[in-house]
Amino acid sequence: MENKRALPILFLVMFLVMVGFGIIIPVLPFYAEELGASPAELGLLMAVYSFMQLLFSPVWGKISDKIGRKPVMLIGIAGLSISFFLMAIANHLWMLFFARIIGGLLSAANMPTTMAYAADITTPENRSKGMGMIGAAVGLGFIFGPAIGGVFSDIRLNLPFTIAGSVSIFTFLLVLFVLKESKPKEERNTEKNTPALSRWAAFRGANTILFILQFFVSLSLAGLEATYAYFVADKAGLGTREIGYIFMIMGLAGAVVQGGLIGLLSKKFGDERIIQGGLLVSAIGFGLILLTNNFTSAAVYLTIFGLGNGVIRPTVSALLTKTSTVGHGSVTGLLSSFDSLGRIIGPPLGGMLFAIGIGLPYITGLLLSIIAFILFQIFRYRNHEFNNHRA
């Protein structure tokens, strides 16, 4: 019964984390520009956060296997709050960079530890449902956060950072007083019984394919996010408000599928079929986006892509926590690193492809989805062979 109560609390925690994170998204470029940032420096400001997450997600995931999920989650949320307040008082560009580095380093604890917590409190049969709820919380947070940030930035440009910091303090208190530890002391790893465990411990056997697959998925998604506004402005004459509505429609549809349907789909079809279906629907979505010619087609085609893309990450996470023999935190931490790597490389790659031809980021995304689908067939074959051999 305690586990059933913990999942909604975990959903609320991750939703609030992502609301706080999302609040600053529409404001940061203008805020940095006011402090004298060039376009290149703005790109670095965005990239440095993802780079710190790339480096430290596996570290925090591994630490959570040793000392428990709750203290690491508290560190991650406190790190976000500190970084937001530092940005709110920044009056030089270097202060923004410092805040982003601190925020990236500490908040890298949030996603892998939350996913590891979800893995701890769910049975293998319900694992995809738990991961899907985390994915839905992330999606909804990204919908509401930027909207809140946009509204309050009209009052004062640094106000959204103060609000984001305050939301993080509330989230910290929620975790501190309401959320119970999911990993008892007797289940935790110690240096004594796992001397050789490294951040790459989960990267072995057929599972290596799942990490690479997640990198391809994140790479193609980040390329789309970086270029989509320019693409639909050119193809359909849409402005920022219409594009915001389109992403909101996609996000809500994705949240419904991840938060409600993914558990049912997993029980009926299994994780492997969901991942295959997600990759195929993503590929179809990329192809359809090329045919965009008005608001309706843009909303429908991007939503089709989003539904396919949205089920992949939580289901891959669920599958990895079931098939890996190392701690859940180590697995989800390394997966977050591959996700961050895709988000670092994706935007500049998407931009370069877009400069060559406006449809190239989506043709590339289609091809990457097909390659990921083929890689997954190899994973299935190798994993089933291993299980048959072990049996």
Protein backbone atom coordinates (compact mmCIF):
# COMPACT_ATOMS: atom_id res chain seq x y z
CA MET A 1 0.00 0.00 0.00
CA GLU A 2 2.90 2.34 0.83
CA ASN A 3 4.30 1.90 -2.68
CA LYS A 4 0.97 2.88 -4.24
CA ARG A 5 0.97 6.09 -2.19
CA ALA A 6 4.59 6.86 -3.10
CA LEU A 7 4.09 6.93 -6.88
CA PRO A 8 1.63 9.90 -6.95
CA ILE A 9 3.96 11.79 -4.57
CA LEU A 10 6.88 11.02 -6.86
CA PHE A 11 4.80 12.26 -9.82
CA LEU A 12 4.10 15.54 -8.00
CA VAL A 13 7.78 15.96 -7.05
CA MET A 14 9.01 15.47 -10.61
CA PHE A 15 6.23 17.71 -11.97
CA LEU A 16 7.29 20.53 -9.63
CA VAL A 17 10.97 20.01 -10.49
CA MET A 18 10.20 20.34 -14.19
CA VAL A 19 7.86 23.32 -13.67
CA GLY A 20 10.72 25.09 -11.90
CA PHE A 21 13.11 24.13 -14.68
CA GLY A 22 10.61 25.08 -17.41
CA ILE A 23 9.84 28.51 -15.94
CA ILE A 24 13.24 29.87 -17.01
CA ILE A 25 13.25 28.45 -20.56
CA PRO A 26 11.53 31.35 -22.37
CA VAL A 27 13.34 33.96 -20.24
CA LEU A 28 16.97 32.82 -20.13
CA PRO A 29 17.94 33.90 -23.70
CA PHE A 30 16.67 37.47 -23.12
CA TYR A 31 18.14 37.62 -19.62
CA ALA A 32 21.54 36.49 -20.89
CA GLU A 33 21.33 38.97 -23.77
CA GLU A 34 20.66 41.77 -21.28
CA LEU A 35 23.89 40.77 -19.50
CA GLY A 36 25.81 41.02 -22.79
CA ALA A 37 25.73 37.44 -24.10
CA SER A 38 26.39 36.90 -27.80
CA PRO A 39 24.51 34.13 -29.68
CA ALA A 40 27.59 31.89 -29.34
CA GLU A 41 27.78 32.55 -25.59
CA LEU A 42 24.06 31.82 -25.25
CA GLY A 43 24.65 28.46 -26.96
CA LEU A 44 27.46 27.72 -24.49
CA LEU A 45 25.22 28.74 -21.59
CA MET A 46 22.65 26.17 -22.73
CA ALA A 47 25.24 23.48 -23.49
CA VAL A 48 27.19 23.73 -20.23
CA TYR A 49 24.15 22.59 -18.23
CA SER A 50 23.66 19.48 -20.39
CA PHE A 51 27.41 18.82 -20.29
CA MET A 52 27.44 18.80 -16.49
CA GLN A 53 24.45 16.43 -16.53
CA LEU A 54 26.32 14.18 -18.97
CA LEU A 55 29.25 13.94 -16.55
CA PHE A 56 27.43 13.71 -13.23
CA SER A 57 24.18 11.77 -13.83
CA PRO A 58 25.96 8.38 -13.51
CA VAL A 59 27.83 9.61 -10.43
CA TRP A 60 24.64 10.62 -8.59
CA GLY A 61 22.87 7.47 -9.72
CA LYS A 62 25.67 5.34 -8.27
CA ILE A 63 25.72 7.37 -5.04
CA SER A 64 21.95 6.84 -4.63
CA ASP A 65 22.57 3.07 -4.79
CA LYS A 66 24.91 3.48 -1.81
CA ILE A 67 23.29 6.07 0.46
CA GLY A 68 19.64 5.90 -0.62
CA ARG A 69 17.43 7.83 -3.04
CA LYS A 70 15.99 10.49 -0.74
CA PRO A 71 19.23 12.28 0.28
CA VAL A 72 20.40 12.41 -3.34
CA MET A 73 17.03 13.78 -4.50
CA LEU A 74 17.28 16.46 -1.80
CA ILE A 75 20.76 17.42 -3.04
CA GLY A 76 19.49 17.67 -6.63
CA ILE A 77 16.47 19.81 -5.75
CA ALA A 78 18.53 22.06 -3.44
CA GLY A 79 21.03 22.48 -6.29
CA LEU A 80 18.26 23.64 -8.62
CA SER A 81 16.98 26.13 -6.06
CA ILE A 82 20.45 27.58 -5.43
CA SER A 83 21.12 27.93 -9.16
CA PHE A 84 17.78 29.71 -9.76
CA PHE A 85 18.38 32.24 -6.97
CA LEU A 86 21.95 32.83 -8.20
CA MET A 87 20.56 33.58 -11.67
CA ALA A 88 17.96 35.93 -10.17
CA ILE A 89 20.70 38.12 -8.61
CA ALA A 90 23.19 37.81 -11.50
CA ASN A 91 24.50 41.12 -12.83
CA HIS A 92 27.40 39.74 -14.86
CA LEU A 93 27.43 37.01 -17.51
CA TRP A 94 29.99 34.92 -15.60
CA MET A 95 27.48 34.68 -12.72
CA LEU A 96 24.94 33.10 -15.08
CA PHE A 97 27.54 30.58 -16.25
CA PHE A 98 28.49 29.81 -12.63
CA ALA A 99 24.82 29.28 -11.72
CA ARG A 100 24.25 27.00 -14.73
CA ILE A 101 27.34 24.92 -13.87
CA ILE A 102 26.25 24.53 -10.23
CA GLY A 103 22.69 23.76 -11.34
CA GLY A 104 23.79 21.19 -13.92
CA LEU A 105 26.20 19.48 -11.53
CA LEU A 106 23.74 19.11 -8.64
CA SER A 107 20.43 18.77 -10.51
CA ALA A 108 21.94 15.88 -12.49
CA ALA A 109 20.85 13.91 -9.42
CA ASN A 110 17.14 14.47 -10.06
CA MET A 111 16.18 12.41 -13.10
CA PRO A 112 18.25 9.21 -12.52
CA THR A 113 17.39 9.10 -8.81
CA THR A 114 13.67 9.68 -9.39
CA MET A 115 13.61 6.93 -12.03
CA ALA A 116 15.59 4.62 -9.73
CA TYR A 117 13.06 5.37 -6.97
CA ALA A 118 10.22 4.44 -9.36
CA ALA A 119 12.04 1.20 -10.18
CA ASP A 120 12.46 0.46 -6.45
CA ILE A 121 8.75 0.78 -5.66
CA THR A 122 7.29 -1.00 -8.69
CA THR A 123 7.15 -4.67 -9.59
CA PRO A 124 8.65 -5.69 -12.96
CA GLU A 125 5.09 -5.99 -14.31
CA ASN A 126 4.25 -2.40 -13.30
CA ARG A 127 7.69 -0.90 -14.00
CA SER A 128 6.70 0.72 -17.32
CA LYS A 129 3.67 2.30 -15.65
CA GLY A 130 5.91 3.85 -12.99
CA MET A 131 8.42 5.12 -15.54
CA GLY A 132 5.55 6.40 -17.69
CA MET A 133 4.21 8.47 -14.80
CA ILE A 134 7.64 10.08 -14.38
CA GLY A 135 7.66 10.82 -18.12
CA ALA A 136 4.18 12.34 -17.89
CA ALA A 137 5.26 14.54 -14.97
CA VAL A 138 8.24 15.78 -17.00
CA GLY A 139 6.01 16.50 -20.01
CA LEU A 140 3.38 18.38 -18.00
CA GLY A 141 6.07 20.36 -16.19
CA PHE A 142 7.49 21.48 -19.53
CA ILE A 143 4.02 22.63 -20.60
CA PHE A 144 3.15 24.67 -17.51
CA GLY A 145 6.64 25.92 -16.61
CA PRO A 146 7.35 27.99 -19.76
CA ALA A 147 3.81 29.41 -19.69
CA ILE A 148 4.31 30.63 -16.10
CA GLY A 149 7.76 31.99 -16.98
CA GLY A 150 6.40 33.89 -19.96
CA VAL A 151 3.66 35.55 -17.90
CA PHE A 152 5.88 36.70 -15.01
CA SER A 153 8.76 37.86 -17.21
CA ASP A 154 6.49 40.71 -18.34
CA ILE A 155 6.58 42.06 -14.78
CA ARG A 156 10.35 41.79 -14.28
CA LEU A 157 12.84 39.79 -16.29
CA ASN A 158 14.48 38.11 -13.30
CA LEU A 159 11.18 37.35 -11.49
CA PRO A 160 10.73 33.89 -13.11
CA PHE A 161 14.08 32.81 -11.59
CA THR A 162 12.92 33.82 -8.10
CA ILE A 163 9.63 31.94 -8.63
CA ALA A 164 11.51 28.86 -9.92
CA GLY A 165 13.76 28.94 -6.85
CA SER A 166 10.72 29.20 -4.57
CA VAL A 167 9.01 26.27 -6.32
CA SER A 168 12.19 24.25 -5.75
CA ILE A 169 12.20 25.09 -2.04
CA PHE A 170 8.60 23.86 -1.77
CA THR A 171 9.58 20.67 -3.66
CA PHE A 172 12.55 20.18 -1.31
CA LEU A 173 10.23 20.38 1.73
CA LEU A 174 7.77 17.97 0.09
CA VAL A 175 10.52 15.37 -0.41
CA LEU A 176 11.98 15.99 3.06
CA PHE A 177 8.72 15.57 5.01
CA VAL A 178 6.41 13.46 2.81
CA LEU A 179 8.48 11.12 0.64
CA LYS A 180 9.85 8.01 2.35
CA GLU A 181 13.13 6.33 1.46
CA SER A 182 12.64 3.57 -1.14
CA LYS A 183 15.93 1.75 -0.62
CA PRO A 184 16.41 0.20 2.85
CA LYS A 185 19.94 0.19 4.28
CA GLU A 186 20.30 -3.57 3.89
CA GLU A 187 19.70 -3.28 0.11
CA ARG A 188 22.28 -0.56 -0.50
CA ASN A 189 25.67 -1.14 -2.06
CA THR A 190 28.80 -0.28 -0.11
CA GLU A 191 32.40 0.05 -1.20
CA LYS A 192 33.07 -3.15 0.72
CA ASN A 193 30.77 -5.41 -1.29
CA THR A 194 31.04 -3.64 -4.68
CA PRO A 195 34.68 -2.54 -4.99
CA ALA A 196 34.82 -2.76 -8.80
CA LEU A 197 31.50 -1.06 -9.62
CA SER A 198 32.04 1.89 -11.97
CA ARG A 199 29.76 4.32 -13.73
CA TRP A 200 29.99 2.05 -16.82
CA ALA A 201 28.97 -1.09 -14.91
CA ALA A 202 25.55 -1.18 -16.61
CA PHE A 203 27.08 -0.78 -20.09
CA ARG A 204 27.57 -4.45 -20.90
CA GLY A 205 26.05 -7.26 -22.93
CA ALA A 206 22.94 -6.69 -25.01
CA ASN A 207 22.03 -3.71 -22.81
CA THR A 208 24.70 -1.57 -24.52
CA ILE A 209 22.32 -1.43 -27.50
CA LEU A 210 19.56 0.14 -25.38
CA PHE A 211 21.86 2.96 -24.27
CA ILE A 212 22.92 3.66 -27.87
CA LEU A 213 19.27 3.50 -28.97
CA GLN A 214 18.37 6.14 -26.35
CA PHE A 215 21.20 8.35 -27.63
CA PHE A 216 19.78 8.19 -31.18
CA VAL A 217 16.28 8.99 -29.91
CA SER A 218 17.52 12.01 -27.90
CA LEU A 219 19.76 13.18 -30.75
CA SER A 220 16.91 13.23 -33.28
CA LEU A 221 14.48 14.85 -30.80
CA ALA A 222 16.95 17.62 -29.88
CA GLY A 223 17.58 18.30 -33.58
CA LEU A 224 13.84 18.67 -34.12
CA GLU A 225 13.37 20.98 -31.11
CA ALA A 226 16.19 23.25 -32.30
CA THR A 227 14.83 23.70 -35.83
CA TYR A 228 11.08 23.09 -35.73
CA ALA A 229 10.05 26.73 -35.14
CA TYR A 230 12.00 27.86 -38.22
CA PHE A 231 10.67 24.92 -40.25
CA VAL A 232 6.95 25.55 -39.65
CA ALA A 233 7.43 29.31 -39.98
CA ASP A 234 8.81 28.66 -43.47
CA LYS A 235 6.42 25.85 -44.50
CA ALA A 236 3.18 27.08 -42.92
CA GLY A 237 3.79 30.71 -41.94
CA LEU A 238 3.22 30.01 -38.23
CA GLY A 239 4.30 32.40 -35.46
CA THR A 240 5.56 31.83 -31.91
CA ARG A 241 2.06 31.68 -30.38
CA GLU A 242 0.87 28.97 -32.80
CA ILE A 243 4.09 27.02 -32.29
CA GLY A 244 3.58 27.21 -28.52
CA TYR A 245 0.06 25.81 -28.93
CA ILE A 246 1.39 22.98 -31.12
CA PHE A 247 3.97 21.93 -28.53
CA MET A 248 1.31 22.17 -25.80
CA ILE A 249 -1.02 19.84 -27.75
CA MET A 250 1.83 17.37 -28.29
CA GLY A 251 2.84 17.56 -24.62
CA LEU A 252 -0.68 16.96 -23.31
CA ALA A 253 -1.20 13.99 -25.66
CA GLY A 254 2.15 12.54 -24.60
CA ALA A 255 1.36 13.02 -20.90
CA VAL A 256 -1.96 11.15 -21.29
CA VAL A 257 -0.24 8.21 -22.98
CA GLN A 258 2.72 8.08 -20.58
CA GLY A 259 0.71 8.73 -17.42
CA GLY A 260 -2.27 6.50 -18.18
CA LEU A 261 -1.94 4.18 -21.14
CA ILE A 262 1.66 2.99 -21.03
CA GLY A 263 1.04 0.72 -18.05
CA LEU A 264 -1.90 -0.97 -19.80
CA LEU A 265 0.03 -1.25 -23.08
CA SER A 266 3.01 -2.78 -21.29
CA LYS A 267 0.87 -5.45 -19.62
CA LYS A 268 -0.89 -6.28 -22.88
CA PHE A 269 2.00 -6.15 -25.36
CA GLY A 270 5.22 -6.11 -23.28
CA ASP A 271 8.03 -3.53 -23.17
CA GLU A 272 9.75 -4.78 -26.33
CA ARG A 273 6.71 -4.29 -28.57
CA ILE A 274 6.08 -0.81 -27.11
CA ILE A 275 9.66 0.26 -27.92
CA GLN A 276 9.36 -1.14 -31.45
CA GLY A 277 6.01 0.59 -31.93
CA GLY A 278 7.39 3.86 -30.53
CA LEU A 279 10.33 3.82 -32.95
CA LEU A 280 8.09 3.09 -35.94
CA VAL A 281 5.58 5.81 -34.99
CA SER A 282 8.48 8.26 -34.48
CA ALA A 283 9.80 7.43 -37.96
CA ILE A 284 6.32 7.94 -39.46
CA GLY A 285 5.99 11.22 -37.55
CA PHE A 286 9.30 12.52 -38.92
CA GLY A 287 8.14 11.67 -42.44
CA LEU A 288 4.74 13.34 -41.94
CA ILE A 289 6.32 16.54 -40.55
CA LEU A 290 7.90 17.06 -43.98
CA LEU A 291 4.34 17.37 -45.39
CA THR A 292 3.33 20.19 -43.00
CA ASN A 293 1.45 23.02 -44.73
CA ASN A 294 -0.85 24.60 -42.09
CA PHE A 295 -1.54 24.76 -38.33
CA THR A 296 -3.74 21.65 -38.23
CA SER A 297 -1.30 19.44 -40.14
CA ALA A 298 1.58 20.76 -38.01
CA ALA A 299 -0.27 19.93 -34.77
CA VAL A 300 -1.39 16.47 -35.94
CA TYR A 301 1.97 15.42 -37.40
CA LEU A 302 4.06 16.66 -34.47
CA THR A 303 1.67 14.95 -32.03
CA ILE A 304 2.02 11.65 -33.92
CA PHE A 305 5.80 11.99 -33.62
CA GLY A 306 5.52 12.97 -29.95
CA LEU A 307 3.36 9.97 -29.07
CA GLY A 308 5.90 7.60 -30.59
CA ASN A 309 8.91 9.35 -29.11
CA GLY A 310 7.29 9.78 -25.68
CA VAL A 311 6.83 6.07 -24.91
CA ILE A 312 10.43 5.10 -25.74
CA ARG A 313 12.40 6.63 -22.82
CA PRO A 314 10.21 5.31 -19.95
CA THR A 315 9.97 1.85 -21.53
CA VAL A 316 13.71 1.65 -22.22
CA SER A 317 14.29 2.70 -18.58
CA ALA A 318 11.91 0.00 -17.37
CA LEU A 319 13.52 -2.66 -19.55
CA LEU A 320 17.04 -1.74 -18.42
CA THR A 321 16.14 -1.89 -14.72
CA LYS A 322 14.70 -5.37 -15.33
CA THR A 323 17.59 -6.77 -17.37
CA SER A 324 20.61 -5.14 -15.69
CA THR A 325 22.30 -6.73 -12.70
CA VAL A 326 23.69 -3.48 -11.24
CA GLY A 327 21.79 -1.01 -9.04
CA HIS A 328 18.83 0.91 -10.45
CA GLY A 329 20.58 4.22 -9.79
CA SER A 330 23.65 3.22 -11.79
CA VAL A 331 21.45 2.14 -14.71
CA THR A 332 19.23 5.23 -14.80
CA GLY A 333 22.23 7.52 -14.23
CA LEU A 334 24.09 6.14 -17.23
CA LEU A 335 20.92 6.31 -19.33
CA SER A 336 20.55 10.00 -18.39
CA SER A 337 24.13 10.55 -19.58
CA PHE A 338 23.34 9.13 -23.03
CA ASP A 339 20.20 11.27 -23.08
CA SER A 340 22.26 14.38 -22.24
CA LEU A 341 24.85 13.54 -24.91
CA GLY A 342 22.10 13.46 -27.53
CA ARG A 343 20.79 16.80 -26.28
CA ILE A 344 24.28 18.35 -26.52
CA ILE A 345 25.03 17.16 -30.06
CA GLY A 346 21.45 17.37 -31.43
CA PRO A 347 20.89 21.17 -31.60
CA PRO A 348 24.11 22.13 -33.45
CA LEU A 349 23.78 19.10 -35.75
CA GLY A 350 20.14 19.94 -36.45
CA GLY A 351 21.10 23.55 -37.14
CA MET A 352 23.82 22.55 -39.60
CA LEU A 353 21.48 20.15 -41.42
CA PHE A 354 18.75 22.80 -41.53
CA ALA A 355 21.19 25.27 -43.10
CA ILE A 356 21.85 22.76 -45.91
CA GLY A 357 18.15 21.93 -46.44
CA ILE A 358 15.16 22.69 -44.19
CA GLY A 359 13.87 19.12 -44.37
CA LEU A 360 17.21 17.44 -43.57
CA PRO A 361 16.84 17.34 -39.74
CA TYR A 362 13.59 15.36 -40.17
CA ILE A 363 14.92 13.05 -42.89
CA THR A 364 17.88 12.38 -40.60
CA GLY A 365 15.50 11.78 -37.68
CA LEU A 366 13.53 9.30 -39.79
CA LEU A 367 16.74 7.44 -40.70
CA LEU A 368 17.96 7.42 -37.07
CA SER A 369 14.60 5.98 -35.97
CA ILE A 370 14.92 3.19 -38.55
CA ILE A 371 18.51 2.49 -37.45
CA ALA A 372 17.36 2.41 -33.81
CA PHE A 373 14.59 -0.02 -34.79
CA ILE A 374 17.15 -2.33 -36.44
CA LEU A 375 19.44 -2.05 -33.40
CA PHE A 376 16.53 -3.07 -31.19
CA GLN A 377 16.00 -6.22 -33.25
CA ILE A 378 19.66 -7.09 -32.54
CA PHE A 379 19.05 -6.44 -28.82
CA ARG A 380 16.02 -8.74 -28.84
CA TYR A 381 17.93 -11.52 -30.58
CA ARG A 382 20.95 -11.26 -28.26
CA ASN A 383 18.84 -10.94 -25.13
CA HIS A 384 16.65 -13.92 -26.00
CA GLU A 385 19.71 -16.01 -26.88
CA PHE A 386 21.28 -15.13 -23.53
CA ASN A 387 18.08 -16.05 -21.65
CA ASN A 388 17.77 -19.36 -23.54
CA HIS A 389 21.43 -20.17 -22.82
CA ARG A 390 20.99 -19.35 -19.12
CA ALA A 391 17.82 -21.50 -18.98
